[in-house]
PDB file of N, CA and C in Angstrom:
ATOM      1  N   MET A   1      -3.528 -23.858 -33.026  1.00  0.00           N
ATOM      2  CA  MET A   1      -3.795 -24.089 -31.609  1.00  0.00           C
ATOM      3  C   MET A   1      -2.875 -23.235 -30.733  1.00  0.00           C
ATOM      4  N   LYS A   2      -1.600 -23.174 -31.107  1.00  0.00           N
ATOM      5  CA  LYS A   2      -0.653 -22.376 -30.325  1.00  0.00           C
ATOM      6  C   LYS A   2      -1.007 -20.897 -30.373  1.00  0.00           C
ATOM      7  N   VAL A   3      -1.498 -20.451 -31.523  1.00  0.00           N
ATOM      8  CA  VAL A   3      -1.874 -19.047 -31.672  1.00  0.00           C
ATOM      9  C   VAL A   3      -3.065 -18.731 -30.771  1.00  0.00           C
ATOM     10  N   GLN A   4      -4.015 -19.644 -30.687  1.00  0.00           N
ATOM     11  CA  GLN A   4      -5.184 -19.433 -29.830  1.00  0.00           C
ATOM     12  C   GLN A   4      -4.777 -19.370 -28.365  1.00  0.00           C
ATOM     13  N   LEU A   5      -3.889 -20.251 -27.945  1.00  0.00           N
ATOM     14  CA  LEU A   5      -3.420 -20.230 -26.561  1.00  0.00           C
ATOM     15  C   LEU A   5      -2.658 -18.947 -26.261  1.00  0.00           C
ATOM     16  N   LEU A   6      -1.845 -18.510 -27.204  1.00  0.00           N
ATOM     17  CA  LEU A   6      -1.100 -17.276 -27.024  1.00  0.00           C
ATOM     18  C   LEU A   6      -2.046 -16.081 -26.927  1.00  0.00           C
ATOM     19  N   CYS A   7      -3.063 -16.056 -27.755  1.00  0.00           N
ATOM     20  CA  CYS A   7      -4.057 -14.978 -27.709  1.00  0.00           C
ATOM     21  C   CYS A   7      -4.818 -14.984 -26.380  1.00  0.00           C
ATOM     22  N   LEU A   8      -5.197 -16.162 -25.931  1.00  0.00           N
ATOM     23  CA  LEU A   8      -5.897 -16.275 -24.655  1.00  0.00           C
ATOM     24  C   LEU A   8      -5.023 -15.777 -23.510  1.00  0.00           C
ATOM     25  N   LEU A   9      -3.771 -16.168 -23.511  1.00  0.00           N
ATOM     26  CA  LEU A   9      -2.843 -15.708 -22.481  1.00  0.00           C
ATOM     27  C   LEU A   9      -2.689 -14.195 -22.516  1.00  0.00           C
ATOM     28  N   LEU A  10      -2.582 -13.629 -23.687  1.00  0.00           N
ATOM     29  CA  LEU A  10      -2.445 -12.189 -23.840  1.00  0.00           C
ATOM     30  C   LEU A  10      -3.680 -11.461 -23.316  1.00  0.00           C
ATOM     31  N   VAL A  11      -4.858 -11.976 -23.622  1.00  0.00           N
ATOM     32  CA  VAL A  11      -6.097 -11.375 -23.131  1.00  0.00           C
ATOM     33  C   VAL A  11      -6.157 -11.432 -21.608  1.00  0.00           C
ATOM     34  N   LEU A  12      -5.793 -12.554 -21.032  1.00  0.00           N
ATOM     35  CA  LEU A  12      -5.818 -12.694 -19.574  1.00  0.00           C
ATOM     36  C   LEU A  12      -4.843 -11.724 -18.906  1.00  0.00           C
ATOM     37  N   LEU A  13      -3.684 -11.570 -19.476  1.00  0.00           N
ATOM     38  CA  LEU A  13      -2.701 -10.645 -18.907  1.00  0.00           C
ATOM     39  C   LEU A  13      -3.161  -9.199 -19.000  1.00  0.00           C
ATOM     40  N   CYS A  14      -3.815  -8.845 -20.068  1.00  0.00           N
ATOM     41  CA  CYS A  14      -4.261  -7.468 -20.278  1.00  0.00           C
ATOM     42  C   CYS A  14      -5.488  -7.115 -19.441  1.00  0.00           C
ATOM     43  N   THR A  15      -6.280  -8.093 -19.072  1.00  0.00           N
ATOM     44  CA  THR A  15      -7.510  -7.804 -18.341  1.00  0.00           C
ATOM     45  C   THR A  15      -7.381  -8.000 -16.838  1.00  0.00           C
ATOM     46  N   SER A  16      -6.222  -8.421 -16.369  1.00  0.00           N
ATOM     47  CA  SER A  16      -6.086  -8.618 -14.927  1.00  0.00           C
ATOM     48  C   SER A  16      -6.157  -7.274 -14.221  1.00  0.00           C
ATOM     49  N   GLN A  17      -6.825  -7.245 -13.099  1.00  0.00           N
ATOM     50  CA  GLN A  17      -7.006  -6.005 -12.352  1.00  0.00           C
ATOM     51  C   GLN A  17      -5.798  -5.740 -11.470  1.00  0.00           C
ATOM     52  N   VAL A  18      -5.444  -4.474 -11.397  1.00  0.00           N
ATOM     53  CA  VAL A  18      -4.376  -4.060 -10.504  1.00  0.00           C
ATOM     54  C   VAL A  18      -5.039  -3.625  -9.204  1.00  0.00           C
ATOM     55  N   GLN A  19      -4.654  -4.240  -8.105  1.00  0.00           N
ATOM     56  CA  GLN A  19      -5.260  -3.903  -6.833  1.00  0.00           C
ATOM     57  C   GLN A  19      -4.453  -2.803  -6.151  1.00  0.00           C
ATOM     58  N   SER A  20      -5.158  -1.957  -5.445  1.00  0.00           N
ATOM     59  CA  SER A  20      -4.509  -0.870  -4.721  1.00  0.00           C
ATOM     60  C   SER A  20      -3.806  -1.404  -3.486  1.00  0.00           C
ATOM     61  N   LEU A  21      -2.823  -0.663  -3.067  1.00  0.00           N
ATOM     62  CA  LEU A  21      -2.108  -0.959  -1.830  1.00  0.00           C
ATOM     63  C   LEU A  21      -3.066  -0.820  -0.650  1.00  0.00           C
ATOM     64  N   GLN A  22      -2.913  -1.668   0.342  1.00  0.00           N
ATOM     65  CA  GLN A  22      -3.697  -1.542   1.572  1.00  0.00           C
ATOM     66  C   GLN A  22      -2.745  -1.196   2.704  1.00  0.00           C
ATOM     67  N   CYS A  23      -3.124  -0.191   3.480  1.00  0.00           N
ATOM     68  CA  CYS A  23      -2.322   0.238   4.627  1.00  0.00           C
ATOM     69  C   CYS A  23      -3.227   0.362   5.843  1.00  0.00           C
ATOM     70  N   TYR A  24      -2.617   0.262   7.006  1.00  0.00           N
ATOM     71  CA  TYR A  24      -3.337   0.625   8.229  1.00  0.00           C
ATOM     72  C   TYR A  24      -3.381   2.142   8.265  1.00  0.00           C
ATOM     73  N   THR A  25      -4.523   2.707   8.631  1.00  0.00           N
ATOM     74  CA  THR A  25      -4.631   4.157   8.740  1.00  0.00           C
ATOM     75  C   THR A  25      -5.256   4.527  10.072  1.00  0.00           C
ATOM     76  N   CYS A  26      -4.695   5.541  10.704  1.00  0.00           N
ATOM     77  CA  CYS A  26      -5.228   6.024  11.972  1.00  0.00           C
ATOM     78  C   CYS A  26      -4.437   7.243  12.415  1.00  0.00           C
ATOM     79  N   GLU A  27      -4.922   7.884  13.465  1.00  0.00           N
ATOM     80  CA  GLU A  27      -4.199   8.965  14.110  1.00  0.00           C
ATOM     81  C   GLU A  27      -4.332   8.787  15.612  1.00  0.00           C
ATOM     82  N   ASN A  28      -3.202   8.852  16.301  1.00  0.00           N
ATOM     83  CA  ASN A  28      -3.131   8.768  17.755  1.00  0.00           C
ATOM     84  C   ASN A  28      -3.811   7.524  18.327  1.00  0.00           C
ATOM     85  N   ASP A  29      -3.599   6.394  17.672  1.00  0.00           N
ATOM     86  CA  ASP A  29      -4.105   5.113  18.157  1.00  0.00           C
ATOM     87  C   ASP A  29      -2.971   4.093  18.043  1.00  0.00           C
ATOM     88  N   PRO A  30      -2.167   3.915  19.094  1.00  0.00           N
ATOM     89  CA  PRO A  30      -1.013   3.021  19.030  1.00  0.00           C
ATOM     90  C   PRO A  30      -1.356   1.570  18.688  1.00  0.00           C
ATOM     91  N   LYS A  31      -2.608   1.173  18.860  1.00  0.00           N
ATOM     92  CA  LYS A  31      -3.032  -0.187  18.519  1.00  0.00           C
ATOM     93  C   LYS A  31      -3.665  -0.222  17.129  1.00  0.00           C
ATOM     94  N   CYS A  32      -3.331   0.734  16.321  1.00  0.00           N
ATOM     95  CA  CYS A  32      -3.939   0.937  15.006  1.00  0.00           C
ATOM     96  C   CYS A  32      -3.906  -0.335  14.162  1.00  0.00           C
ATOM     97  N   LYS A  33      -5.058  -0.850  13.834  1.00  0.00           N
ATOM     98  CA  LYS A  33      -5.177  -2.014  12.962  1.00  0.00           C
ATOM     99  C   LYS A  33      -6.372  -1.836  12.024  1.00  0.00           C
ATOM    100  N   THR A  34      -6.649  -0.600  11.612  1.00  0.00           N
ATOM    101  CA  THR A  34      -7.751  -0.339  10.715  1.00  0.00           C
ATOM    102  C   THR A  34      -7.242  -0.369   9.284  1.00  0.00           C
ATOM    103  N   PRO A  35      -7.531  -1.433   8.526  1.00  0.00           N
ATOM    104  CA  PRO A  35      -7.037  -1.493   7.149  1.00  0.00           C
ATOM    105  C   PRO A  35      -7.847  -0.569   6.243  1.00  0.00           C
ATOM    106  N   ALA A  36      -7.163   0.037   5.296  1.00  0.00           N
ATOM    107  CA  ALA A  36      -7.821   0.911   4.327  1.00  0.00           C
ATOM    108  C   ALA A  36      -7.225   0.658   2.952  1.00  0.00           C
ATOM    109  N   GLU A  37      -8.061   0.740   1.933  1.00  0.00           N
ATOM    110  CA  GLU A  37      -7.567   0.640   0.572  1.00  0.00           C
ATOM    111  C   GLU A  37      -7.098   2.027   0.159  1.00  0.00           C
ATOM    112  N   CYS A  38      -5.868   2.105  -0.275  1.00  0.00           N
ATOM    113  CA  CYS A  38      -5.264   3.382  -0.639  1.00  0.00           C
ATOM    114  C   CYS A  38      -5.690   3.799  -2.041  1.00  0.00           C
ATOM    115  N   PRO A  39      -5.575   5.093  -2.340  1.00  0.00           N
ATOM    116  CA  PRO A  39      -5.807   5.530  -3.723  1.00  0.00           C
ATOM    117  C   PRO A  39      -4.799   4.866  -4.655  1.00  0.00           C
ATOM    118  N   ALA A  40      -5.121   4.768  -5.915  1.00  0.00           N
ATOM    119  CA  ALA A  40      -4.238   4.115  -6.889  1.00  0.00           C
ATOM    120  C   ALA A  40      -2.868   4.779  -6.959  1.00  0.00           C
ATOM    121  N   SER A  41      -2.788   6.057  -6.641  1.00  0.00           N
ATOM    122  CA  SER A  41      -1.521   6.788  -6.720  1.00  0.00           C
ATOM    123  C   SER A  41      -0.596   6.500  -5.536  1.00  0.00           C
ATOM    124  N   ALA A  42      -1.118   5.936  -4.461  1.00  0.00           N
ATOM    125  CA  ALA A  42      -0.305   5.676  -3.265  1.00  0.00           C
ATOM    126  C   ALA A  42       0.604   4.478  -3.486  1.00  0.00           C
ATOM    127  N   MET A  43       1.880   4.666  -3.191  1.00  0.00           N
ATOM    128  CA  MET A  43       2.873   3.605  -3.349  1.00  0.00           C
ATOM    129  C   MET A  43       3.424   3.135  -2.006  1.00  0.00           C
ATOM    130  N   TYR A  44       3.164   3.882  -0.928  1.00  0.00           N
ATOM    131  CA  TYR A  44       3.780   3.602   0.365  1.00  0.00           C
ATOM    132  C   TYR A  44       2.761   3.631   1.505  1.00  0.00           C
ATOM    133  N   CYS A  45       3.028   2.814   2.511  1.00  0.00           N
ATOM    134  CA  CYS A  45       2.369   2.926   3.805  1.00  0.00           C
ATOM    135  C   CYS A  45       3.365   3.673   4.699  1.00  0.00           C
ATOM    136  N   ARG A  46       2.929   4.748   5.318  1.00  0.00           N
ATOM    137  CA  ARG A  46       3.806   5.587   6.144  1.00  0.00           C
ATOM    138  C   ARG A  46       3.356   5.502   7.594  1.00  0.00           C
ATOM    139  N   THR A  47       4.310   5.273   8.477  1.00  0.00           N
ATOM    140  CA  THR A  47       4.039   5.256   9.911  1.00  0.00           C
ATOM    141  C   THR A  47       4.910   6.308  10.570  1.00  0.00           C
ATOM    142  N   GLU A  48       4.289   7.178  11.358  1.00  0.00           N
ATOM    143  CA  GLU A  48       5.025   8.202  12.104  1.00  0.00           C
ATOM    144  C   GLU A  48       4.803   7.990  13.589  1.00  0.00           C
ATOM    145  N   VAL A  49       5.912   7.837  14.304  1.00  0.00           N
ATOM    146  CA  VAL A  49       5.858   7.671  15.756  1.00  0.00           C
ATOM    147  C   VAL A  49       6.854   8.657  16.360  1.00  0.00           C
ATOM    148  N   THR A  50       6.326   9.703  16.969  1.00  0.00           N
ATOM    149  CA  THR A  50       7.170  10.673  17.674  1.00  0.00           C
ATOM    150  C   THR A  50       6.603  10.863  19.070  1.00  0.00           C
ATOM    151  N   GLY A  51       7.139  11.786  19.809  1.00  0.00           N
ATOM    152  CA  GLY A  51       6.720  11.977  21.193  1.00  0.00           C
ATOM    153  C   GLY A  51       5.215  12.052  21.403  1.00  0.00           C
ATOM    154  N   THR A  52       4.517  12.822  20.577  1.00  0.00           N
ATOM    155  CA  THR A  52       3.076  13.006  20.767  1.00  0.00           C
ATOM    156  C   THR A  52       2.243  12.547  19.577  1.00  0.00           C
ATOM    157  N   VAL A  53       2.883  12.012  18.556  1.00  0.00           N
ATOM    158  CA  VAL A  53       2.160  11.645  17.335  1.00  0.00           C
ATOM    159  C   VAL A  53       2.325  10.162  17.019  1.00  0.00           C
ATOM    160  N   PHE A  54       1.217   9.509  16.708  1.00  0.00           N
ATOM    161  CA  PHE A  54       1.245   8.163  16.145  1.00  0.00           C
ATOM    162  C   PHE A  54       0.233   8.169  15.016  1.00  0.00           C
ATOM    163  N   SER A  55       0.717   8.041  13.783  1.00  0.00           N
ATOM    164  CA  SER A  55      -0.217   8.029  12.657  1.00  0.00           C
ATOM    165  C   SER A  55       0.265   7.070  11.584  1.00  0.00           C
ATOM    166  N   ARG A  56      -0.696   6.560  10.839  1.00  0.00           N
ATOM    167  CA  ARG A  56      -0.430   5.686   9.698  1.00  0.00           C
ATOM    168  C   ARG A  56      -1.265   6.192   8.540  1.00  0.00           C
ATOM    169  N   THR A  57      -0.624   6.338   7.372  1.00  0.00           N
ATOM    170  CA  THR A  57      -1.304   6.886   6.215  1.00  0.00           C
ATOM    171  C   THR A  57      -0.832   6.200   4.930  1.00  0.00           C
ATOM    172  N   CYS A  58      -1.587   6.399   3.865  1.00  0.00           N
ATOM    173  CA  CYS A  58      -1.198   6.010   2.514  1.00  0.00           C
ATOM    174  C   CYS A  58      -0.526   7.221   1.882  1.00  0.00           C
ATOM    175  N   GLU A  59       0.580   7.010   1.197  1.00  0.00           N
ATOM    176  CA  GLU A  59       1.307   8.135   0.614  1.00  0.00           C
ATOM    177  C   GLU A  59       1.798   7.819  -0.789  1.00  0.00           C
ATOM    178  N   GLU A  60       1.840   8.847  -1.638  1.00  0.00           N
ATOM    179  CA  GLU A  60       2.425   8.696  -2.974  1.00  0.00           C
ATOM    180  C   GLU A  60       3.945   8.601  -2.880  1.00  0.00           C
ATOM    181  N   LYS A  61       4.522   9.416  -2.010  1.00  0.00           N
ATOM    182  CA  LYS A  61       5.966   9.445  -1.792  1.00  0.00           C
ATOM    183  C   LYS A  61       6.208   9.396  -0.290  1.00  0.00           C
ATOM    184  N   CYS A  62       7.334   8.836   0.100  1.00  0.00           N
ATOM    185  CA  CYS A  62       7.624   8.735   1.532  1.00  0.00           C
ATOM    186  C   CYS A  62       9.137   8.766   1.737  1.00  0.00           C
ATOM    187  N   VAL A  63       9.561   9.579   2.669  1.00  0.00           N
ATOM    188  CA  VAL A  63      10.975   9.681   3.008  1.00  0.00           C
ATOM    189  C   VAL A  63      11.124   9.273   4.472  1.00  0.00           C
ATOM    190  N   GLU A  64      11.970   8.283   4.716  1.00  0.00           N
ATOM    191  CA  GLU A  64      12.191   7.846   6.090  1.00  0.00           C
ATOM    192  C   GLU A  64      13.081   8.846   6.817  1.00  0.00           C
ATOM    193  N   THR A  65      12.646   9.215   7.989  1.00  0.00           N
ATOM    194  CA  THR A  65      13.420  10.092   8.868  1.00  0.00           C
ATOM    195  C   THR A  65      13.278   9.537  10.278  1.00  0.00           C
ATOM    196  N   PHE A  66      13.850  10.238  11.244  1.00  0.00           N
ATOM    197  CA  PHE A  66      13.699   9.811  12.628  1.00  0.00           C
ATOM    198  C   PHE A  66      12.220   9.804  12.984  1.00  0.00           C
ATOM    199  N   GLY A  67      11.695   8.660  13.330  1.00  0.00           N
ATOM    200  CA  GLY A  67      10.293   8.534  13.719  1.00  0.00           C
ATOM    201  C   GLY A  67       9.346   8.216  12.572  1.00  0.00           C
ATOM    202  N   VAL A  68       9.844   8.206  11.340  1.00  0.00           N
ATOM    203  CA  VAL A  68       8.993   7.920  10.179  1.00  0.00           C
ATOM    204  C   VAL A  68       9.541   6.703   9.443  1.00  0.00           C
ATOM    205  N   THR A  69       8.683   5.709   9.234  1.00  0.00           N
ATOM    206  CA  THR A  69       9.069   4.541   8.450  1.00  0.00           C
ATOM    207  C   THR A  69       8.118   4.427   7.252  1.00  0.00           C
ATOM    208  N   CYS A  70       8.651   3.851   6.176  1.00  0.00           N
ATOM    209  CA  CYS A  70       7.901   3.674   4.943  1.00  0.00           C
ATOM    210  C   CYS A  70       8.027   2.223   4.500  1.00  0.00           C
ATOM    211  N   CYS A  71       6.960   1.677   3.925  1.00  0.00           N
ATOM    212  CA  CYS A  71       7.032   0.335   3.381  1.00  0.00           C
ATOM    213  C   CYS A  71       6.081   0.245   2.194  1.00  0.00           C
ATOM    214  N   MET A  72       6.266  -0.783   1.370  1.00  0.00           N
ATOM    215  CA  MET A  72       5.518  -0.881   0.121  1.00  0.00           C
ATOM    216  C   MET A  72       4.649  -2.142   0.017  1.00  0.00           C
ATOM    217  N   ASP A  73       4.463  -2.861   1.104  1.00  0.00           N
ATOM    218  CA  ASP A  73       3.663  -4.080   1.093  1.00  0.00           C
ATOM    219  C   ASP A  73       2.311  -3.832   1.760  1.00  0.00           C
ATOM    220  N   ASP A  74       1.317  -4.627   1.397  1.00  0.00           N
ATOM    221  CA  ASP A  74       0.003  -4.513   2.033  1.00  0.00           C
ATOM    222  C   ASP A  74       0.123  -4.695   3.548  1.00  0.00           C
ATOM    223  N   LEU A  75      -0.528  -3.779   4.273  1.00  0.00           N
ATOM    224  CA  LEU A  75      -0.646  -3.841   5.732  1.00  0.00           C
ATOM    225  C   LEU A  75       0.703  -4.023   6.433  1.00  0.00           C
ATOM    226  N   CYS A  76       1.706  -3.345   5.935  1.00  0.00           N
ATOM    227  CA  CYS A  76       3.042  -3.447   6.519  1.00  0.00           C
ATOM    228  C   CYS A  76       3.271  -2.326   7.524  1.00  0.00           C
ATOM    229  N   GLY A  77       4.366  -2.369   8.186  1.00  0.00           N
ATOM    230  CA  GLY A  77       4.754  -1.330   9.132  1.00  0.00           C
ATOM    231  C   GLY A  77       4.937  -1.895  10.519  1.00  0.00           C
ATOM    232  N   PRO A  78       5.633  -1.124  11.321  1.00  0.00           N
ATOM    233  CA  PRO A  78       5.922  -1.594  12.688  1.00  0.00           C
ATOM    234  C   PRO A  78       4.693  -1.655  13.555  1.00  0.00           C
TER     235      PRO A  78
END
């Protein structure tokens, strides 16, 4: 009985689906609330706010700088 339960648990763990990160995506829309499912390779939601630019994108890599923030949770960001 224990072996069957262990096998069932193993099967459930192996078949669970990995969901992609979701980020808000837009360009030049400060009220940006358009959710998008990111590609499987994307690990970050990136938000850039500078003098003339406001954008949100899905990114594989992200480096925070002045005006750029990065986060790793669904629909995160300032």
